[in-house]
Amino acid sequence: MSVDHSSYHVEELISAIDISRRIGTLAREIEGHFKDTDKLVVVGLLRGSFIFIADLVRELKLPVEVDFMEVSSYGDAMESSRNVRIMKDLRGEIENMDVLIVEDIIDTGFTMANVTSLLKSRNPSRLEIATLLDKPSRREVEVTARWVGFEIPDEFVVGYGIDYAQRNRNLPYIGKVVQNGN
């Protein structure tokens, strides 16, 4: 499947079926880790994680509370600015709670390192990371997700909530952006 825009097109990299299967597996692993929790606070990083977090929490058979943070290091560019800005913080407290950060993609690691540091300063009981996509070849800051949906090569990707200049979030699969003429 391919989506064509004037300067680029999108080629399918990970199918919707593969994503769905992997989320089921991740949910079982997360349940095993947090099986003794009174409540798991699932923190979605907006906007790219919104589809992933919705699908993941529907699969979790745990008491969950969902909260969101909006952070940005990309804007409309294809490269991280490394300037992480928090545009929306959590509504609730996380002190002495089990927390799962849910991210769409870990690339350079700057965003996740900043968010993790901030949330750790709020003294949660446990703090873990789940990411749909991991791009370790681009890592500049040491960050490790406990749960990774898929490790991907150094490609700019869209779909399943992930955008390029606010487009392609609605694709049901993960696709790589290919500049036309390349």
C-alpha atoms as a PDB file:
ATOM      1  CA  MET A   1       0.000   0.000   0.000  1.00  0.00           C
ATOM      2  CA  SER A   2       1.287   3.481  -0.809  1.00  0.00           C
ATOM      3  CA  VAL A   3       0.072   7.003  -0.034  1.00  0.00           C
ATOM      4  CA  ASP A   4       1.194   9.722  -2.455  1.00  0.00           C
ATOM      5  CA  HIS A   5       1.607  13.395  -1.614  1.00  0.00           C
ATOM      6  CA  SER A   6       3.205  15.963  -3.906  1.00  0.00           C
ATOM      7  CA  SER A   7       6.758  15.720  -2.528  1.00  0.00           C
ATOM      8  CA  TYR A   8       6.730  12.259  -0.956  1.00  0.00           C
ATOM      9  CA  HIS A   9       4.935   8.944  -0.767  1.00  0.00           C
ATOM     10  CA  VAL A  10       4.528   6.388   2.002  1.00  0.00           C
ATOM     11  CA  GLU A  11       5.431   2.709   1.656  1.00  0.00           C
ATOM     12  CA  GLU A  12       4.099   0.150   4.160  1.00  0.00           C
ATOM     13  CA  LEU A  13       6.750  -1.047   6.609  1.00  0.00           C
ATOM     14  CA  ILE A  14       4.696  -2.784   9.360  1.00  0.00           C
ATOM     15  CA  SER A  15       1.168  -4.020   8.653  1.00  0.00           C
ATOM     16  CA  ALA A  16      -1.892  -3.273  10.778  1.00  0.00           C
ATOM     17  CA  ILE A  17      -2.221  -7.007  11.493  1.00  0.00           C
ATOM     18  CA  ASP A  18       1.371  -7.257  12.752  1.00  0.00           C
ATOM     19  CA  ILE A  19       0.831  -4.205  14.964  1.00  0.00           C
ATOM     20  CA  SER A  20      -2.337  -5.675  16.469  1.00  0.00           C
ATOM     21  CA  ARG A  21      -0.669  -9.021  17.206  1.00  0.00           C
ATOM     22  CA  ARG A  22       2.346  -7.364  18.792  1.00  0.00           C
ATOM     23  CA  ILE A  23       0.184  -5.159  21.037  1.00  0.00           C
ATOM     24  CA  GLY A  24      -1.552  -8.263  22.395  1.00  0.00           C
ATOM     25  CA  THR A  25       1.821  -9.763  23.269  1.00  0.00           C
ATOM     26  CA  LEU A  26       3.045  -6.529  24.876  1.00  0.00           C
ATOM     27  CA  ALA A  27      -0.128  -6.292  26.954  1.00  0.00           C
ATOM     28  CA  ARG A  28       0.405  -9.802  28.377  1.00  0.00           C
ATOM     29  CA  GLU A  29       4.025  -8.950  29.263  1.00  0.00           C
ATOM     30  CA  ILE A  30       3.003  -5.659  30.899  1.00  0.00           C
ATOM     31  CA  GLU A  31       0.263  -7.432  32.879  1.00  0.00           C
ATOM     32  CA  GLY A  32       2.800  -9.936  34.153  1.00  0.00           C
ATOM     33  CA  HIS A  33       5.145  -7.195  35.319  1.00  0.00           C
ATOM     34  CA  PHE A  34       2.430  -5.101  37.018  1.00  0.00           C
ATOM     35  CA  LYS A  35       0.213  -8.011  38.168  1.00  0.00           C
ATOM     36  CA  ASP A  36       0.271  -6.834  41.805  1.00  0.00           C
ATOM     37  CA  THR A  37      -0.622  -3.197  41.102  1.00  0.00           C
ATOM     38  CA  ASP A  38      -3.589  -1.432  42.673  1.00  0.00           C
ATOM     39  CA  LYS A  39      -3.637   0.923  39.698  1.00  0.00           C
ATOM     40  CA  LEU A  40      -1.370   1.418  36.711  1.00  0.00           C
ATOM     41  CA  VAL A  41      -1.105   5.018  35.529  1.00  0.00           C
ATOM     42  CA  VAL A  42      -0.589   4.814  31.785  1.00  0.00           C
ATOM     43  CA  VAL A  43       0.957   8.044  30.515  1.00  0.00           C
ATOM     44  CA  GLY A  44       0.607   8.583  26.785  1.00  0.00           C
ATOM     45  CA  LEU A  45       2.930  10.999  25.069  1.00  0.00           C
ATOM     46  CA  LEU A  46       0.848  13.012  22.654  1.00  0.00           C
ATOM     47  CA  ARG A  47       0.233  13.198  19.925  1.00  0.00           C
ATOM     48  CA  GLY A  48       1.913  10.290  18.205  1.00  0.00           C
ATOM     49  CA  SER A  49       1.024   7.655  20.814  1.00  0.00           C
ATOM     50  CA  PHE A  50      -2.744   8.200  20.907  1.00  0.00           C
ATOM     51  CA  ILE A  51      -3.691   5.211  18.741  1.00  0.00           C
ATOM     52  CA  PHE A  52      -1.104   2.929  20.342  1.00  0.00           C
ATOM     53  CA  ILE A  53      -2.182   3.831  23.879  1.00  0.00           C
ATOM     54  CA  ALA A  54      -5.878   3.325  23.032  1.00  0.00           C
ATOM     55  CA  ASP A  55      -5.224  -0.124  21.595  1.00  0.00           C
ATOM     56  CA  LEU A  56      -2.822  -1.084  24.389  1.00  0.00           C
ATOM     57  CA  VAL A  57      -5.051  -0.110  27.336  1.00  0.00           C
ATOM     58  CA  ARG A  58      -8.008  -1.980  25.799  1.00  0.00           C
ATOM     59  CA  GLU A  59      -5.843  -5.115  25.901  1.00  0.00           C
ATOM     60  CA  LEU A  60      -4.645  -4.634  29.506  1.00  0.00           C
ATOM     61  CA  LYS A  61      -6.500  -6.624  32.120  1.00  0.00           C
ATOM     62  CA  LEU A  62      -5.338  -4.386  34.964  1.00  0.00           C
ATOM     63  CA  PRO A  63      -6.873  -1.431  36.789  1.00  0.00           C
ATOM     64  CA  VAL A  64      -5.622   1.510  34.738  1.00  0.00           C
ATOM     65  CA  GLU A  65      -5.805   5.261  34.803  1.00  0.00           C
ATOM     66  CA  VAL A  66      -4.867   7.093  31.618  1.00  0.00           C
ATOM     67  CA  ASP A  67      -3.185  10.469  31.582  1.00  0.00           C
ATOM     68  CA  PHE A  68      -1.333  12.371  28.876  1.00  0.00           C
ATOM     69  CA  MET A  69       1.617  14.633  28.370  1.00  0.00           C
ATOM     70  CA  GLU A  70       2.276  16.566  25.206  1.00  0.00           C
ATOM     71  CA  VAL A  71       5.929  17.005  24.407  1.00  0.00           C
ATOM     72  CA  SER A  72       7.605  18.109  21.225  1.00  0.00           C
ATOM     73  CA  SER A  73      11.070  17.992  19.738  1.00  0.00           C
ATOM     74  CA  TYR A  74      10.180  17.787  16.039  1.00  0.00           C
ATOM     75  CA  GLY A  75       7.644  20.440  15.020  1.00  0.00           C
ATOM     76  CA  ASP A  76       7.059  19.895  11.292  1.00  0.00           C
ATOM     77  CA  ALA A  77      10.622  18.734  10.582  1.00  0.00           C
ATOM     78  CA  MET A  78      11.962  15.267   9.859  1.00  0.00           C
ATOM     79  CA  GLU A  79      14.845  15.742  12.328  1.00  0.00           C
ATOM     80  CA  SER A  80      14.615  16.212  16.087  1.00  0.00           C
ATOM     81  CA  SER A  81      15.477  19.725  17.253  1.00  0.00           C
ATOM     82  CA  ARG A  82      16.734  18.226  20.555  1.00  0.00           C
ATOM     83  CA  ASN A  83      14.828  21.054  22.219  1.00  0.00           C
ATOM     84  CA  VAL A  84      12.200  19.176  24.231  1.00  0.00           C
ATOM     85  CA  ARG A  85       9.199  21.273  25.206  1.00  0.00           C
ATOM     86  CA  ILE A  86       6.401  20.196  27.521  1.00  0.00           C
ATOM     87  CA  MET A  87       3.163  21.647  26.188  1.00  0.00           C
ATOM     88  CA  LYS A  88       0.780  19.656  28.410  1.00  0.00           C
ATOM     89  CA  ASP A  89       1.683  18.098  31.730  1.00  0.00           C
ATOM     90  CA  LEU A  90      -0.072  15.340  33.678  1.00  0.00           C
ATOM     91  CA  ARG A  91      -3.342  16.210  35.386  1.00  0.00           C
ATOM     92  CA  GLY A  92      -2.898  13.742  38.218  1.00  0.00           C
ATOM     93  CA  GLU A  93      -0.235  12.934  40.785  1.00  0.00           C
ATOM     94  CA  ILE A  94       1.986   9.872  40.348  1.00  0.00           C
ATOM     95  CA  GLU A  95       3.794   9.755  43.702  1.00  0.00           C
ATOM     96  CA  ASN A  96       3.913   6.163  45.035  1.00  0.00           C
ATOM     97  CA  MET A  97       2.100   4.877  41.930  1.00  0.00           C
ATOM     98  CA  ASP A  98       3.004   2.413  39.206  1.00  0.00           C
ATOM     99  CA  VAL A  99       3.544   4.334  35.967  1.00  0.00           C
ATOM    100  CA  LEU A 100       3.902   3.173  32.386  1.00  0.00           C
ATOM    101  CA  ILE A 101       5.048   5.742  29.833  1.00  0.00           C
ATOM    102  CA  VAL A 102       3.686   4.884  26.387  1.00  0.00           C
ATOM    103  CA  GLU A 103       5.550   6.375  23.427  1.00  0.00           C
ATOM    104  CA  ASP A 104       5.109   6.008  19.690  1.00  0.00           C
ATOM    105  CA  ILE A 105       8.800   6.007  18.775  1.00  0.00           C
ATOM    106  CA  ILE A 106      12.137   6.372  20.537  1.00  0.00           C
ATOM    107  CA  ASP A 107      14.651   7.906  18.179  1.00  0.00           C
ATOM    108  CA  THR A 108      17.493  10.059  19.528  1.00  0.00           C
ATOM    109  CA  GLY A 109      16.267   9.510  23.088  1.00  0.00           C
ATOM    110  CA  PHE A 110      16.167  13.199  24.029  1.00  0.00           C
ATOM    111  CA  THR A 111      12.395  13.358  24.508  1.00  0.00           C
ATOM    112  CA  MET A 112      12.172  10.149  26.514  1.00  0.00           C
ATOM    113  CA  ALA A 113      15.193  11.031  28.682  1.00  0.00           C
ATOM    114  CA  ASN A 114      13.616  14.382  29.554  1.00  0.00           C
ATOM    115  CA  VAL A 115      10.180  12.923  30.276  1.00  0.00           C
ATOM    116  CA  THR A 116      11.609  10.048  32.321  1.00  0.00           C
ATOM    117  CA  SER A 117      13.734  12.404  34.397  1.00  0.00           C
ATOM    118  CA  LEU A 118      10.762  14.675  35.060  1.00  0.00           C
ATOM    119  CA  LEU A 119       8.460  11.817  36.044  1.00  0.00           C
ATOM    120  CA  LYS A 120      11.083  10.107  38.238  1.00  0.00           C
ATOM    121  CA  SER A 121      11.394  13.382  40.172  1.00  0.00           C
ATOM    122  CA  ARG A 122       7.725  12.906  41.152  1.00  0.00           C
ATOM    123  CA  ASN A 123       8.590   9.686  43.036  1.00  0.00           C
ATOM    124  CA  PRO A 124       6.498   6.963  41.417  1.00  0.00           C
ATOM    125  CA  SER A 125       6.762   3.451  42.909  1.00  0.00           C
ATOM    126  CA  ARG A 126       7.725   1.990  39.534  1.00  0.00           C
ATOM    127  CA  LEU A 127       8.294   3.729  36.218  1.00  0.00           C
ATOM    128  CA  GLU A 128       8.604   1.747  32.994  1.00  0.00           C
ATOM    129  CA  ILE A 129       8.553   2.572  29.288  1.00  0.00           C
ATOM    130  CA  ALA A 130       6.701   0.908  26.429  1.00  0.00           C
ATOM    131  CA  THR A 131       7.297   2.106  22.887  1.00  0.00           C
ATOM    132  CA  LEU A 132       5.700   0.946  19.689  1.00  0.00           C
ATOM    133  CA  LEU A 133       8.849   1.661  17.667  1.00  0.00           C
ATOM    134  CA  ASP A 134      12.512   1.806  18.608  1.00  0.00           C
ATOM    135  CA  LYS A 135      15.194   3.226  16.345  1.00  0.00           C
ATOM    136  CA  PRO A 136      18.405   2.417  18.275  1.00  0.00           C
ATOM    137  CA  SER A 137      20.699   3.392  15.384  1.00  0.00           C
ATOM    138  CA  ARG A 138      19.740   7.043  16.018  1.00  0.00           C
ATOM    139  CA  ARG A 139      20.194   6.992  19.800  1.00  0.00           C
ATOM    140  CA  GLU A 140      22.213   9.897  21.201  1.00  0.00           C
ATOM    141  CA  VAL A 141      21.005   9.647  24.809  1.00  0.00           C
ATOM    142  CA  GLU A 142      20.908   6.362  26.722  1.00  0.00           C
ATOM    143  CA  VAL A 143      17.269   5.347  27.036  1.00  0.00           C
ATOM    144  CA  THR A 144      15.925   1.814  27.197  1.00  0.00           C
ATOM    145  CA  ALA A 145      12.290   0.832  26.904  1.00  0.00           C
ATOM    146  CA  ARG A 146      11.296  -2.263  28.852  1.00  0.00           C
ATOM    147  CA  TRP A 147       8.786  -3.138  26.109  1.00  0.00           C
ATOM    148  CA  VAL A 148       9.397  -2.513  22.409  1.00  0.00           C
ATOM    149  CA  GLY A 149       6.847  -3.271  19.734  1.00  0.00           C
ATOM    150  CA  PHE A 150       9.221  -3.195  16.786  1.00  0.00           C
ATOM    151  CA  GLU A 151      12.827  -2.203  16.229  1.00  0.00           C
ATOM    152  CA  ILE A 152      13.065  -0.300  12.962  1.00  0.00           C
ATOM    153  CA  PRO A 153      15.894   0.936  10.742  1.00  0.00           C
ATOM    154  CA  ASP A 154      16.783   4.600  10.351  1.00  0.00           C
ATOM    155  CA  GLU A 155      13.734   5.517   8.265  1.00  0.00           C
ATOM    156  CA  PHE A 156      11.333   8.388   8.777  1.00  0.00           C
ATOM    157  CA  VAL A 157       7.988   6.716   9.491  1.00  0.00           C
ATOM    158  CA  VAL A 158       4.334   7.718   9.664  1.00  0.00           C
ATOM    159  CA  GLY A 159       0.994   6.087  10.334  1.00  0.00           C
ATOM    160  CA  TYR A 160      -0.766   4.552  13.310  1.00  0.00           C
ATOM    161  CA  GLY A 161      -0.752   7.951  15.041  1.00  0.00           C
ATOM    162  CA  ILE A 162       2.679   9.104  13.864  1.00  0.00           C
ATOM    163  CA  ASP A 163       2.709  12.116  11.561  1.00  0.00           C
ATOM    164  CA  TYR A 164       4.808  14.102   9.147  1.00  0.00           C
ATOM    165  CA  ALA A 165       3.750  17.770   9.330  1.00  0.00           C
ATOM    166  CA  GLN A 166       0.427  16.630  10.875  1.00  0.00           C
ATOM    167  CA  ARG A 167      -0.387  14.258   7.993  1.00  0.00           C
ATOM    168  CA  ASN A 168      -0.705  10.463   7.779  1.00  0.00           C
ATOM    169  CA  ARG A 169      -1.614   9.831  11.446  1.00  0.00           C
ATOM    170  CA  ASN A 170      -4.722   7.993  10.242  1.00  0.00           C
ATOM    171  CA  LEU A 171      -2.896   5.282   8.285  1.00  0.00           C
ATOM    172  CA  PRO A 172      -3.652   1.878   9.882  1.00  0.00           C
ATOM    173  CA  TYR A 173      -0.062   0.699   9.366  1.00  0.00           C
ATOM    174  CA  ILE A 174       3.470   2.043   9.870  1.00  0.00           C
ATOM    175  CA  GLY A 175       4.941   3.305   6.625  1.00  0.00           C
ATOM    176  CA  LYS A 176       8.238   4.859   5.649  1.00  0.00           C
ATOM    177  CA  VAL A 177       8.311   8.275   4.026  1.00  0.00           C
ATOM    178  CA  VAL A 178      10.049   8.225   0.653  1.00  0.00           C
ATOM    179  CA  GLN A 179      10.854  11.519  -1.039  1.00  0.00           C
ATOM    180  CA  ASN A 180       9.571  11.492  -4.618  1.00  0.00           C
ATOM    181  CA  GLY A 181      12.399  11.197  -7.098  1.00  0.00           C
ATOM    182  CA  ASN A 182      14.391   8.945  -4.706  1.00  0.00           C
END
